[in-house]
Amino acid sequence: MTVRYGHAIYRWRVSTARKGYVTPRGTYRPQRTARMWYSRKYDMSPMPHSVFYRGGYAIHGTGAVKSLG
């Protein structure tokens, strides 16, 4: 969710970690970005437009939208 002046401007659904993994809660600052990255943790799965945070966690785009959730 994006907030401006205390009001939500955008909301969007996300898909979190695969079964058997966890997505940690908290507030984080980006550490680095990558136009394209391949996940060693998830069998070299593509991670386009990645934003990495502390501990190797990241948010990223996907072309597999039907597989989310």
Protein backbone atom coordinates (compact mmCIF):
# COMPACT_ATOMS: atom_id res chain seq x y z
CA MET A 1 0.00 0.00 0.00
CA THR A 2 1.23 3.48 -0.78
CA VAL A 3 0.19 6.18 1.67
CA ARG A 4 0.24 9.94 1.20
CA TYR A 5 -0.85 12.40 3.88
CA GLY A 6 -2.24 9.52 5.92
CA HIS A 7 -4.50 8.21 3.14
CA ALA A 8 -4.02 5.08 1.01
CA ILE A 9 -3.41 5.93 -2.64
CA TYR A 10 -2.68 2.44 -3.99
CA ARG A 11 -3.24 -1.08 -2.71
CA TRP A 12 -2.11 -4.29 -4.33
CA ARG A 13 -2.06 -7.98 -3.48
CA VAL A 14 1.22 -9.80 -3.07
CA SER A 15 2.29 -13.40 -3.01
CA THR A 16 4.70 -14.32 -0.23
CA ALA A 17 7.16 -17.17 0.34
CA ARG A 18 6.56 -20.63 -1.02
CA LYS A 19 5.29 -23.37 1.28
CA GLY A 20 7.97 -24.29 3.80
CA TYR A 21 9.49 -20.78 3.79
CA VAL A 22 8.53 -17.61 5.66
CA THR A 23 8.37 -13.95 4.78
CA PRO A 24 9.57 -11.92 7.78
CA ARG A 25 7.54 -8.98 9.03
CA GLY A 26 9.11 -5.64 9.74
CA THR A 27 10.30 -2.40 8.24
CA TYR A 28 13.24 -2.61 5.86
CA ARG A 29 15.30 -0.33 3.64
CA PRO A 30 16.45 -1.44 0.19
CA GLN A 31 20.09 -2.57 0.05
CA ARG A 32 20.48 -3.09 -3.70
CA THR A 33 18.53 -3.63 -6.91
CA ALA A 34 18.93 -5.86 -9.95
CA ARG A 35 17.24 -5.60 -13.34
CA MET A 36 17.35 -9.43 -13.52
CA TRP A 37 18.43 -11.91 -10.86
CA TYR A 38 18.19 -15.69 -10.60
CA SER A 39 17.36 -17.13 -7.19
CA ARG A 40 19.79 -19.68 -5.83
CA LYS A 41 17.31 -20.41 -3.03
CA TYR A 42 14.46 -21.23 -5.45
CA ASP A 43 16.20 -23.36 -8.12
CA MET A 44 17.48 -20.45 -10.24
CA SER A 45 13.98 -19.00 -10.70
CA PRO A 46 14.03 -15.66 -12.53
CA MET A 47 13.45 -12.54 -10.40
CA PRO A 48 13.03 -9.54 -12.73
CA HIS A 49 13.20 -6.02 -11.26
CA SER A 50 14.43 -7.23 -7.85
CA VAL A 51 14.80 -5.03 -4.79
CA PHE A 52 16.91 -6.72 -2.10
CA TYR A 53 16.67 -6.16 1.64
CA ARG A 54 18.64 -7.27 4.70
CA GLY A 55 19.12 -11.01 4.95
CA GLY A 56 18.85 -11.66 1.22
CA TYR A 57 15.07 -11.10 1.11
CA ALA A 58 13.69 -9.41 -1.99
CA ILE A 59 10.58 -8.25 -3.77
CA HIS A 60 10.44 -8.73 -7.54
CA GLY A 61 8.26 -8.94 -10.59
CA THR A 62 7.14 -12.14 -12.28
CA GLY A 63 5.76 -13.32 -15.57
CA ALA A 64 4.04 -16.26 -13.83
CA VAL A 65 1.05 -14.25 -12.57
CA LYS A 66 -1.32 -17.26 -12.73
CA SER A 67 0.96 -19.13 -10.30
CA LEU A 68 0.75 -16.49 -7.55
CA GLY A 69 -1.18 -16.95 -4.35
